[in-house]
Amino acid sequence: MDKKSIITGIIIGLVSNTIGLLIVGLLTAKMAGRSESVLQVFEAAVLENFIGKLISLGAILNLICFFYFIRKQKDSHAAGILIATILIAVGTFITKL
């Protein structure tokens, strides 16, 4: 496997999770019915200890990227996205402790 492709996959996985987290935060703010911003939703998530759930929901975009690279037969990129997802899962687990 090409190390450059794996690193690219890791970066894509982290960026897609960040974008997914922002989308989940935006949807949560809209569903709250109040005029809350995304930052207020994240602050409330940290205070009420459900930030791990939001991060996990943000990882759904990683799934889409992973299957896209599998379909295009770019296994090194897909492996990088898998590594990024595992890193995010470990980070979420550590925040739960």
N, C-alpha and C. Protein backbone atom coordinates (compact mmCIF):
# COMPACT_ATOMS: atom_id res chain seq x y z
N MET A 1 0.83 -1.18 0.00
CA MET A 1 0.00 0.00 0.00
C MET A 1 0.88 1.24 0.00
N ASP A 2 0.37 2.24 -0.62
CA ASP A 2 1.08 3.50 -0.75
C ASP A 2 0.83 4.36 0.49
N LYS A 3 1.90 4.76 1.19
CA LYS A 3 1.75 5.55 2.42
C LYS A 3 1.11 6.90 2.15
N LYS A 4 1.41 7.49 1.00
CA LYS A 4 0.84 8.79 0.67
C LYS A 4 -0.68 8.69 0.51
N SER A 5 -1.14 7.61 -0.10
CA SER A 5 -2.58 7.41 -0.27
C SER A 5 -3.26 7.17 1.07
N ILE A 6 -2.59 6.46 1.97
CA ILE A 6 -3.16 6.21 3.28
C ILE A 6 -3.28 7.51 4.07
N ILE A 7 -2.24 8.34 4.01
CA ILE A 7 -2.28 9.63 4.71
C ILE A 7 -3.36 10.52 4.11
N THR A 8 -3.50 10.49 2.79
CA THR A 8 -4.57 11.25 2.15
C THR A 8 -5.93 10.76 2.62
N GLY A 9 -6.09 9.45 2.74
CA GLY A 9 -7.34 8.89 3.23
C GLY A 9 -7.63 9.29 4.66
N ILE A 10 -6.59 9.34 5.51
CA ILE A 10 -6.77 9.77 6.89
C ILE A 10 -7.23 11.23 6.94
N ILE A 11 -6.61 12.07 6.12
CA ILE A 11 -7.00 13.49 6.08
C ILE A 11 -8.43 13.63 5.59
N ILE A 12 -8.78 12.89 4.54
CA ILE A 12 -10.15 12.93 4.02
C ILE A 12 -11.14 12.46 5.09
N GLY A 13 -10.77 11.41 5.82
CA GLY A 13 -11.64 10.90 6.88
C GLY A 13 -11.85 11.90 8.00
N LEU A 14 -10.79 12.59 8.41
CA LEU A 14 -10.92 13.58 9.47
C LEU A 14 -11.73 14.79 9.02
N VAL A 15 -11.49 15.23 7.78
CA VAL A 15 -12.23 16.37 7.24
C VAL A 15 -13.70 16.02 7.06
N SER A 16 -13.99 14.83 6.54
CA SER A 16 -15.39 14.46 6.34
C SER A 16 -16.10 14.30 7.67
N ASN A 17 -15.41 13.83 8.70
CA ASN A 17 -16.03 13.73 10.01
C ASN A 17 -16.31 15.12 10.57
N THR A 18 -15.41 16.06 10.35
CA THR A 18 -15.62 17.43 10.82
C THR A 18 -16.82 18.06 10.11
N ILE A 19 -16.90 17.84 8.81
CA ILE A 19 -18.05 18.37 8.06
C ILE A 19 -19.34 17.70 8.53
N GLY A 20 -19.29 16.40 8.76
CA GLY A 20 -20.46 15.68 9.27
C GLY A 20 -20.88 16.18 10.64
N LEU A 21 -19.90 16.47 11.49
CA LEU A 21 -20.20 17.00 12.82
C LEU A 21 -20.87 18.37 12.71
N LEU A 22 -20.40 19.21 11.81
CA LEU A 22 -21.04 20.51 11.60
C LEU A 22 -22.46 20.37 11.08
N ILE A 23 -22.67 19.41 10.18
CA ILE A 23 -24.02 19.18 9.65
C ILE A 23 -24.95 18.69 10.76
N VAL A 24 -24.47 17.77 11.58
CA VAL A 24 -25.28 17.26 12.70
C VAL A 24 -25.58 18.39 13.69
N GLY A 25 -24.59 19.22 13.97
CA GLY A 25 -24.81 20.36 14.86
C GLY A 25 -25.82 21.34 14.30
N LEU A 26 -25.74 21.59 13.00
CA LEU A 26 -26.70 22.49 12.35
C LEU A 26 -28.11 21.91 12.39
N LEU A 27 -28.24 20.61 12.09
CA LEU A 27 -29.56 19.98 12.15
C LEU A 27 -30.12 19.97 13.56
N THR A 28 -29.26 19.76 14.54
CA THR A 28 -29.70 19.78 15.94
C THR A 28 -30.16 21.18 16.33
N ALA A 29 -29.45 22.19 15.86
CA ALA A 29 -29.84 23.57 16.16
C ALA A 29 -31.18 23.89 15.52
N LYS A 30 -31.40 23.42 14.30
CA LYS A 30 -32.66 23.70 13.61
C LYS A 30 -33.82 22.94 14.26
N MET A 31 -33.55 21.71 14.72
CA MET A 31 -34.62 20.90 15.32
C MET A 31 -34.97 21.37 16.72
N ALA A 32 -34.08 22.13 17.36
CA ALA A 32 -34.37 22.64 18.70
C ALA A 32 -35.48 23.67 18.67
N GLY A 33 -35.70 24.29 17.53
CA GLY A 33 -36.78 25.24 17.40
C GLY A 33 -36.42 26.64 17.87
N ARG A 34 -35.35 26.75 18.59
CA ARG A 34 -34.91 28.07 19.06
C ARG A 34 -33.86 28.59 18.09
N SER A 35 -33.49 29.82 18.30
CA SER A 35 -32.49 30.42 17.42
C SER A 35 -31.09 30.19 17.98
N GLU A 36 -30.73 28.93 18.13
CA GLU A 36 -29.41 28.59 18.63
C GLU A 36 -28.43 28.46 17.47
N SER A 37 -27.21 28.85 17.73
CA SER A 37 -26.18 28.66 16.72
C SER A 37 -25.54 27.29 16.92
N VAL A 38 -24.74 26.89 15.97
CA VAL A 38 -24.07 25.60 16.04
C VAL A 38 -23.12 25.57 17.23
N LEU A 39 -22.45 26.70 17.50
CA LEU A 39 -21.53 26.75 18.64
C LEU A 39 -22.27 26.57 19.97
N GLN A 40 -23.47 27.12 20.07
CA GLN A 40 -24.26 26.94 21.29
C GLN A 40 -24.67 25.48 21.46
N VAL A 41 -24.96 24.81 20.35
CA VAL A 41 -25.30 23.39 20.41
C VAL A 41 -24.10 22.59 20.89
N PHE A 42 -22.91 22.90 20.39
CA PHE A 42 -21.70 22.19 20.82
C PHE A 42 -21.38 22.46 22.29
N GLU A 43 -21.59 23.71 22.73
CA GLU A 43 -21.37 24.02 24.13
C GLU A 43 -22.33 23.24 25.03
N ALA A 44 -23.60 23.18 24.61
CA ALA A 44 -24.59 22.41 25.38
C ALA A 44 -24.25 20.92 25.36
N ALA A 45 -23.73 20.45 24.23
CA ALA A 45 -23.36 19.03 24.13
C ALA A 45 -22.22 18.69 25.08
N VAL A 46 -21.28 19.59 25.21
CA VAL A 46 -20.16 19.36 26.13
C VAL A 46 -20.66 19.41 27.57
N LEU A 47 -21.51 20.39 27.89
CA LEU A 47 -22.02 20.52 29.25
C LEU A 47 -22.91 19.35 29.65
N GLU A 48 -23.72 18.86 28.72
CA GLU A 48 -24.65 17.77 29.02
C GLU A 48 -24.07 16.40 28.69
N ASN A 49 -22.82 16.38 28.28
CA ASN A 49 -22.06 15.15 28.06
C ASN A 49 -22.64 14.25 26.96
N PHE A 50 -23.07 14.84 25.84
CA PHE A 50 -23.46 14.03 24.68
C PHE A 50 -22.70 14.42 23.43
N ILE A 51 -21.52 15.00 23.61
CA ILE A 51 -20.68 15.37 22.47
C ILE A 51 -20.20 14.14 21.72
N GLY A 52 -19.98 13.04 22.44
CA GLY A 52 -19.55 11.79 21.79
C GLY A 52 -20.58 11.27 20.80
N LYS A 53 -21.85 11.46 21.14
CA LYS A 53 -22.91 11.02 20.22
C LYS A 53 -22.93 11.87 18.96
N LEU A 54 -22.69 13.16 19.11
CA LEU A 54 -22.64 14.02 17.93
C LEU A 54 -21.44 13.68 17.04
N ILE A 55 -20.31 13.40 17.67
CA ILE A 55 -19.12 13.03 16.90
C ILE A 55 -19.37 11.71 16.16
N SER A 56 -20.02 10.78 16.82
CA SER A 56 -20.32 9.49 16.18
C SER A 56 -21.26 9.66 15.00
N LEU A 57 -22.25 10.52 15.14
CA LEU A 57 -23.15 10.79 14.02
C LEU A 57 -22.44 11.49 12.88
N GLY A 58 -21.46 12.30 13.21
CA GLY A 58 -20.68 12.98 12.18
C GLY A 58 -19.84 12.02 11.35
N ALA A 59 -19.55 10.85 11.91
CA ALA A 59 -18.74 9.86 11.20
C ALA A 59 -19.50 9.14 10.10
N ILE A 60 -20.78 9.43 9.94
CA ILE A 60 -21.55 8.79 8.87
C ILE A 60 -20.99 9.17 7.50
N LEU A 61 -20.47 10.38 7.37
CA LEU A 61 -19.86 10.78 6.09
C LEU A 61 -18.63 9.93 5.77
N ASN A 62 -17.93 9.46 6.81
CA ASN A 62 -16.80 8.57 6.58
C ASN A 62 -17.25 7.28 5.89
N LEU A 63 -18.41 6.80 6.27
CA LEU A 63 -18.95 5.59 5.66
C LEU A 63 -19.18 5.80 4.16
N ILE A 64 -19.73 6.95 3.82
CA ILE A 64 -19.98 7.25 2.41
C ILE A 64 -18.65 7.34 1.64
N CYS A 65 -17.68 8.04 2.22
CA CYS A 65 -16.36 8.16 1.57
C CYS A 65 -15.68 6.80 1.44
N PHE A 66 -15.79 5.99 2.49
CA PHE A 66 -15.17 4.66 2.47
C PHE A 66 -15.71 3.82 1.32
N PHE A 67 -17.03 3.76 1.18
CA PHE A 67 -17.61 2.96 0.10
C PHE A 67 -17.34 3.56 -1.27
N TYR A 68 -17.21 4.87 -1.36
CA TYR A 68 -16.86 5.50 -2.62
C TYR A 68 -15.48 5.03 -3.08
N PHE A 69 -14.50 5.05 -2.16
CA PHE A 69 -13.15 4.64 -2.54
C PHE A 69 -13.06 3.14 -2.78
N ILE A 70 -13.85 2.36 -2.09
CA ILE A 70 -13.89 0.91 -2.37
C ILE A 70 -14.43 0.68 -3.78
N ARG A 71 -15.48 1.41 -4.14
CA ARG A 71 -16.08 1.25 -5.47
C ARG A 71 -15.10 1.66 -6.58
N LYS A 72 -14.31 2.70 -6.31
CA LYS A 72 -13.32 3.18 -7.29
C LYS A 72 -12.03 2.37 -7.24
N GLN A 73 -11.98 1.34 -6.40
CA GLN A 73 -10.84 0.44 -6.24
C GLN A 73 -9.58 1.18 -5.80
N LYS A 74 -9.77 2.12 -4.89
CA LYS A 74 -8.66 2.83 -4.27
C LYS A 74 -8.59 2.37 -2.82
N ASP A 75 -8.05 1.19 -2.64
CA ASP A 75 -8.05 0.55 -1.33
C ASP A 75 -7.18 1.29 -0.32
N SER A 76 -6.12 1.93 -0.75
CA SER A 76 -5.25 2.66 0.18
C SER A 76 -5.98 3.85 0.78
N HIS A 77 -6.75 4.56 -0.05
CA HIS A 77 -7.54 5.68 0.46
C HIS A 77 -8.60 5.17 1.44
N ALA A 78 -9.24 4.07 1.09
CA ALA A 78 -10.26 3.48 1.97
C ALA A 78 -9.65 3.04 3.29
N ALA A 79 -8.44 2.50 3.26
CA ALA A 79 -7.75 2.10 4.49
C ALA A 79 -7.46 3.32 5.36
N GLY A 80 -7.09 4.42 4.76
CA GLY A 80 -6.86 5.65 5.51
C GLY A 80 -8.12 6.16 6.17
N ILE A 81 -9.23 6.07 5.47
CA ILE A 81 -10.50 6.50 6.05
C ILE A 81 -10.88 5.58 7.20
N LEU A 82 -10.61 4.30 7.06
CA LEU A 82 -10.87 3.36 8.15
C LEU A 82 -10.01 3.68 9.37
N ILE A 83 -8.76 4.01 9.15
CA ILE A 83 -7.86 4.39 10.25
C ILE A 83 -8.38 5.66 10.94
N ALA A 84 -8.82 6.64 10.15
CA ALA A 84 -9.36 7.88 10.72
C ALA A 84 -10.61 7.59 11.55
N THR A 85 -11.46 6.69 11.06
CA THR A 85 -12.67 6.34 11.80
C THR A 85 -12.32 5.66 13.11
N ILE A 86 -11.32 4.81 13.09
CA ILE A 86 -10.88 4.14 14.33
C ILE A 86 -10.30 5.16 15.30
N LEU A 87 -9.52 6.11 14.80
CA LEU A 87 -8.98 7.16 15.66
C LEU A 87 -10.09 8.00 16.30
N ILE A 88 -11.12 8.29 15.51
CA ILE A 88 -12.25 9.05 16.03
C ILE A 88 -13.00 8.25 17.08
N ALA A 89 -13.16 6.95 16.84
CA ALA A 89 -13.83 6.09 17.82
C ALA A 89 -13.05 6.02 19.12
N VAL A 90 -11.73 5.90 19.03
CA VAL A 90 -10.90 5.87 20.24
C VAL A 90 -10.98 7.22 20.97
N GLY A 91 -10.94 8.30 20.21
CA GLY A 91 -11.07 9.63 20.83
C GLY A 91 -12.41 9.82 21.51
N THR A 92 -13.47 9.32 20.89
CA THR A 92 -14.80 9.40 21.51
C THR A 92 -14.86 8.56 22.77
N PHE A 93 -14.23 7.39 22.73
CA PHE A 93 -14.19 6.53 23.91
C PHE A 93 -13.43 7.19 25.06
N ILE A 94 -12.34 7.87 24.72
CA ILE A 94 -11.55 8.54 25.76
C ILE A 94 -12.35 9.68 26.39
N THR A 95 -13.15 10.40 25.60
CA THR A 95 -13.96 11.48 26.16
C THR A 95 -15.04 10.95 27.09
N LYS A 96 -15.44 9.69 26.92
CA LYS A 96 -16.45 9.09 27.78
C LYS A 96 -15.89 8.73 29.15
N LEU A 97 -14.58 8.57 29.24
CA LEU A 97 -13.98 8.16 30.53
C LEU A 97 -13.99 9.25 31.53
